[in-house]
N, C-alpha and C. Protein backbone atom coordinates (compact mmCIF):
# COMPACT_ATOMS: atom_id res chain seq x y z
N MET A 1 18.47 -0.59 -29.51
CA MET A 1 19.45 0.35 -28.98
C MET A 1 19.23 0.53 -27.48
N SER A 2 20.27 0.40 -26.69
CA SER A 2 20.13 0.55 -25.25
C SER A 2 20.39 2.00 -24.84
N ARG A 3 19.82 2.38 -23.74
CA ARG A 3 20.00 3.73 -23.21
C ARG A 3 21.15 3.74 -22.21
N PRO A 4 21.75 4.92 -21.99
CA PRO A 4 22.82 5.02 -21.00
C PRO A 4 22.35 4.71 -19.58
N TRP A 5 21.08 4.95 -19.27
CA TRP A 5 20.52 4.66 -17.95
C TRP A 5 19.14 4.05 -18.15
N GLU A 6 18.81 3.09 -17.33
CA GLU A 6 17.48 2.48 -17.38
C GLU A 6 16.97 2.33 -15.95
N ALA A 7 15.72 2.64 -15.73
CA ALA A 7 15.10 2.49 -14.41
C ALA A 7 14.97 1.01 -14.07
N ASP A 8 15.20 0.68 -12.80
CA ASP A 8 15.10 -0.69 -12.32
C ASP A 8 13.79 -0.85 -11.56
N PRO A 9 12.78 -1.48 -12.15
CA PRO A 9 11.48 -1.60 -11.48
C PRO A 9 11.50 -2.51 -10.26
N SER A 10 12.60 -3.24 -10.04
CA SER A 10 12.68 -4.09 -8.86
C SER A 10 13.25 -3.36 -7.64
N ALA A 11 13.75 -2.14 -7.82
CA ALA A 11 14.31 -1.37 -6.70
C ALA A 11 13.20 -1.06 -5.69
N GLY A 12 13.55 -1.13 -4.42
CA GLY A 12 12.59 -0.85 -3.36
C GLY A 12 12.71 0.57 -2.83
N LEU A 13 11.66 1.03 -2.19
CA LEU A 13 11.69 2.33 -1.53
C LEU A 13 12.54 2.21 -0.27
N LYS A 14 13.59 3.02 -0.16
CA LYS A 14 14.51 2.94 0.97
C LYS A 14 14.13 3.94 2.06
N ARG A 15 14.05 5.24 1.67
CA ARG A 15 13.71 6.26 2.66
C ARG A 15 13.16 7.51 1.99
N ARG A 16 12.28 8.16 2.69
CA ARG A 16 11.72 9.43 2.21
C ARG A 16 12.77 10.51 2.37
N TRP A 17 12.86 11.40 1.39
CA TRP A 17 13.68 12.59 1.52
C TRP A 17 12.77 13.73 1.94
N GLY A 18 13.03 14.30 3.09
CA GLY A 18 12.22 15.40 3.58
C GLY A 18 11.09 14.93 4.48
N LYS A 19 10.06 15.75 4.55
CA LYS A 19 8.91 15.49 5.42
C LYS A 19 7.81 14.80 4.63
N SER A 20 6.92 14.17 5.36
CA SER A 20 5.80 13.50 4.70
C SER A 20 4.82 14.53 4.14
N PRO A 21 4.03 14.13 3.14
CA PRO A 21 3.04 15.05 2.59
C PRO A 21 2.05 15.56 3.66
N ILE A 22 1.79 14.74 4.65
CA ILE A 22 0.89 15.17 5.74
C ILE A 22 1.54 16.29 6.54
N GLU A 23 2.83 16.10 6.90
CA GLU A 23 3.55 17.14 7.66
C GLU A 23 3.61 18.46 6.90
N LEU A 24 3.72 18.39 5.57
CA LEU A 24 3.83 19.61 4.76
C LEU A 24 2.48 20.22 4.41
N GLY A 25 1.40 19.53 4.69
CA GLY A 25 0.07 20.04 4.37
C GLY A 25 -0.26 19.92 2.90
N ASN A 26 0.39 18.97 2.19
CA ASN A 26 0.19 18.83 0.75
C ASN A 26 -0.77 17.71 0.36
N THR A 27 -1.50 17.16 1.32
CA THR A 27 -2.41 16.07 0.98
C THR A 27 -3.64 16.11 1.87
N ASP A 28 -4.71 15.60 1.31
CA ASP A 28 -5.92 15.36 2.10
C ASP A 28 -6.09 13.85 2.31
N LYS A 29 -5.03 13.09 1.98
CA LYS A 29 -4.96 11.63 2.09
C LYS A 29 -5.89 10.92 1.11
N ILE A 30 -6.49 11.66 0.18
CA ILE A 30 -7.40 11.08 -0.81
C ILE A 30 -6.92 11.37 -2.23
N SER A 31 -6.54 12.62 -2.49
CA SER A 31 -6.28 13.06 -3.86
C SER A 31 -4.81 13.09 -4.25
N GLY A 32 -3.96 12.37 -3.53
CA GLY A 32 -2.55 12.31 -3.90
C GLY A 32 -1.63 12.82 -2.82
N CYS A 33 -0.38 12.43 -2.92
CA CYS A 33 0.63 12.78 -1.92
C CYS A 33 1.96 13.04 -2.60
N PRO A 34 2.26 14.29 -3.01
CA PRO A 34 3.55 14.57 -3.64
C PRO A 34 4.68 14.20 -2.68
N ASP A 35 5.71 13.51 -3.20
CA ASP A 35 6.73 12.96 -2.32
C ASP A 35 8.01 12.68 -3.11
N VAL A 36 9.13 12.53 -2.39
CA VAL A 36 10.42 12.18 -2.98
C VAL A 36 11.01 11.03 -2.15
N TRP A 37 11.43 9.96 -2.85
CA TRP A 37 11.97 8.78 -2.18
C TRP A 37 13.30 8.36 -2.78
N GLU A 38 14.23 7.99 -1.93
CA GLU A 38 15.46 7.34 -2.36
C GLU A 38 15.16 5.85 -2.48
N LEU A 39 15.61 5.25 -3.58
CA LEU A 39 15.43 3.82 -3.77
C LEU A 39 16.65 3.07 -3.25
N ASP A 40 16.49 1.78 -3.01
CA ASP A 40 17.60 1.01 -2.44
C ASP A 40 18.77 0.83 -3.40
N ASN A 41 18.61 1.20 -4.67
CA ASN A 41 19.74 1.17 -5.61
C ASN A 41 20.37 2.55 -5.80
N GLY A 42 19.90 3.55 -5.05
CA GLY A 42 20.45 4.90 -5.13
C GLY A 42 19.69 5.84 -6.04
N ASP A 43 18.81 5.32 -6.88
CA ASP A 43 17.99 6.17 -7.74
C ASP A 43 16.93 6.88 -6.89
N VAL A 44 16.19 7.78 -7.50
CA VAL A 44 15.20 8.58 -6.78
C VAL A 44 13.85 8.44 -7.47
N ALA A 45 12.81 8.24 -6.67
CA ALA A 45 11.43 8.20 -7.18
C ALA A 45 10.70 9.45 -6.73
N VAL A 46 9.92 10.03 -7.64
CA VAL A 46 9.19 11.26 -7.36
C VAL A 46 7.71 11.02 -7.63
N ILE A 47 6.89 11.44 -6.67
CA ILE A 47 5.44 11.39 -6.86
C ILE A 47 4.97 12.83 -6.99
N GLY A 48 4.37 13.15 -8.12
CA GLY A 48 3.90 14.51 -8.36
C GLY A 48 2.87 14.52 -9.48
N ARG A 49 2.47 15.69 -9.88
CA ARG A 49 1.47 15.83 -10.93
C ARG A 49 2.12 15.69 -12.30
N ASP A 50 1.51 14.88 -13.15
CA ASP A 50 1.99 14.67 -14.51
C ASP A 50 1.55 15.84 -15.38
N LEU A 51 2.51 16.69 -15.75
CA LEU A 51 2.23 17.83 -16.63
C LEU A 51 3.04 17.72 -17.92
N THR A 52 3.30 16.48 -18.34
CA THR A 52 4.11 16.23 -19.52
C THR A 52 3.59 16.98 -20.74
N GLU A 53 2.35 16.82 -21.05
CA GLU A 53 1.80 17.43 -22.27
C GLU A 53 1.78 18.95 -22.18
N GLN A 54 1.57 19.50 -21.00
CA GLN A 54 1.54 20.96 -20.86
C GLN A 54 2.92 21.58 -21.05
N TYR A 55 3.99 20.82 -20.80
CA TYR A 55 5.34 21.35 -20.92
C TYR A 55 6.10 20.87 -22.14
N ARG A 56 5.64 19.81 -22.79
CA ARG A 56 6.40 19.19 -23.88
C ARG A 56 6.85 20.21 -24.94
N SER A 57 5.97 21.07 -25.39
CA SER A 57 6.32 22.01 -26.46
C SER A 57 7.17 23.18 -25.97
N ARG A 58 7.34 23.31 -24.66
CA ARG A 58 8.10 24.43 -24.11
C ARG A 58 9.48 24.03 -23.59
N LEU A 59 9.88 22.80 -23.83
CA LEU A 59 11.18 22.35 -23.34
C LEU A 59 12.32 23.02 -24.10
N PRO A 60 13.42 23.31 -23.41
CA PRO A 60 14.59 23.83 -24.13
C PRO A 60 15.17 22.73 -25.02
N GLU A 61 15.98 23.10 -25.99
CA GLU A 61 16.56 22.13 -26.93
C GLU A 61 17.38 21.05 -26.23
N SER A 62 17.91 21.34 -25.06
CA SER A 62 18.75 20.38 -24.35
C SER A 62 17.95 19.36 -23.54
N ALA A 63 16.62 19.45 -23.58
CA ALA A 63 15.76 18.53 -22.82
C ALA A 63 14.83 17.77 -23.75
N ALA A 64 14.51 16.55 -23.36
CA ALA A 64 13.58 15.73 -24.14
C ALA A 64 12.83 14.80 -23.19
N ILE A 65 11.61 14.47 -23.55
CA ILE A 65 10.80 13.54 -22.77
C ILE A 65 10.51 12.34 -23.66
N ALA A 66 11.03 11.17 -23.29
CA ALA A 66 10.78 9.96 -24.06
C ALA A 66 9.33 9.51 -23.86
N GLU A 67 8.86 8.64 -24.72
CA GLU A 67 7.48 8.16 -24.63
C GLU A 67 7.17 7.49 -23.31
N ASP A 68 8.18 6.89 -22.67
CA ASP A 68 7.94 6.23 -21.39
C ASP A 68 8.36 7.09 -20.20
N GLU A 69 8.53 8.40 -20.41
CA GLU A 69 8.89 9.34 -19.34
C GLU A 69 7.76 10.35 -19.15
N ARG A 70 7.76 10.97 -17.98
CA ARG A 70 6.78 11.99 -17.65
C ARG A 70 7.49 13.16 -16.97
N LEU A 71 7.06 14.37 -17.26
CA LEU A 71 7.51 15.55 -16.53
C LEU A 71 6.57 15.69 -15.34
N VAL A 72 7.15 15.66 -14.15
CA VAL A 72 6.37 15.69 -12.92
C VAL A 72 6.64 16.98 -12.17
N VAL A 73 5.59 17.62 -11.68
CA VAL A 73 5.72 18.85 -10.92
C VAL A 73 5.42 18.58 -9.45
N LEU A 74 6.29 19.12 -8.59
CA LEU A 74 6.15 19.00 -7.15
C LEU A 74 5.90 20.36 -6.54
N PRO A 75 5.22 20.42 -5.40
CA PRO A 75 5.16 21.69 -4.67
C PRO A 75 6.57 22.07 -4.22
N ARG A 76 6.88 23.33 -4.23
CA ARG A 76 8.20 23.82 -3.85
C ARG A 76 8.60 23.32 -2.46
N ASN A 77 7.64 23.29 -1.52
CA ASN A 77 7.99 22.92 -0.16
C ASN A 77 8.46 21.46 -0.04
N VAL A 78 8.08 20.61 -0.98
CA VAL A 78 8.54 19.22 -0.96
C VAL A 78 10.04 19.15 -1.21
N LEU A 79 10.52 19.83 -2.22
CA LEU A 79 11.95 19.79 -2.54
C LEU A 79 12.78 20.53 -1.48
N ILE A 80 12.27 21.62 -0.98
CA ILE A 80 12.98 22.34 0.08
C ILE A 80 13.11 21.46 1.32
N ALA A 81 12.05 20.75 1.68
CA ALA A 81 12.11 19.86 2.83
C ALA A 81 13.05 18.68 2.59
N ALA A 82 13.20 18.26 1.33
CA ALA A 82 14.07 17.13 1.00
C ALA A 82 15.54 17.53 0.95
N LYS A 83 15.83 18.80 0.78
CA LYS A 83 17.22 19.26 0.57
C LYS A 83 18.21 18.71 1.60
N PRO A 84 17.92 18.71 2.90
CA PRO A 84 18.89 18.18 3.85
C PRO A 84 19.21 16.69 3.65
N ASP A 85 18.31 15.94 3.04
CA ASP A 85 18.50 14.51 2.84
C ASP A 85 19.16 14.17 1.51
N ILE A 86 19.31 15.15 0.62
CA ILE A 86 19.90 14.91 -0.70
C ILE A 86 21.42 14.93 -0.57
N PRO A 87 22.08 13.82 -0.92
CA PRO A 87 23.54 13.77 -0.80
C PRO A 87 24.23 14.79 -1.70
N ASP A 88 25.39 15.26 -1.28
CA ASP A 88 26.18 16.18 -2.09
C ASP A 88 26.84 15.47 -3.27
N ALA A 89 27.10 14.20 -3.14
CA ALA A 89 27.73 13.44 -4.23
C ALA A 89 27.20 12.03 -4.25
């Protein structure tokens, strides 16, 4: 059975949305760099903490996490900094 959407692993990183993790003070350059990237096919890649198991049992009925998906948490300042770069449509 095919899904309505499938991630394309061949898509490249096109541009960062927002400021770099260094600019936001969210990294020590060793333990990770939460970030949001637009891919060259229009999809979005997110780098954040994997909290799938901590949230799985608390999801609303309208949400589901497939075995090959992860719930990722970002610092609030990452998404706020990305807002000007996120297209309206």
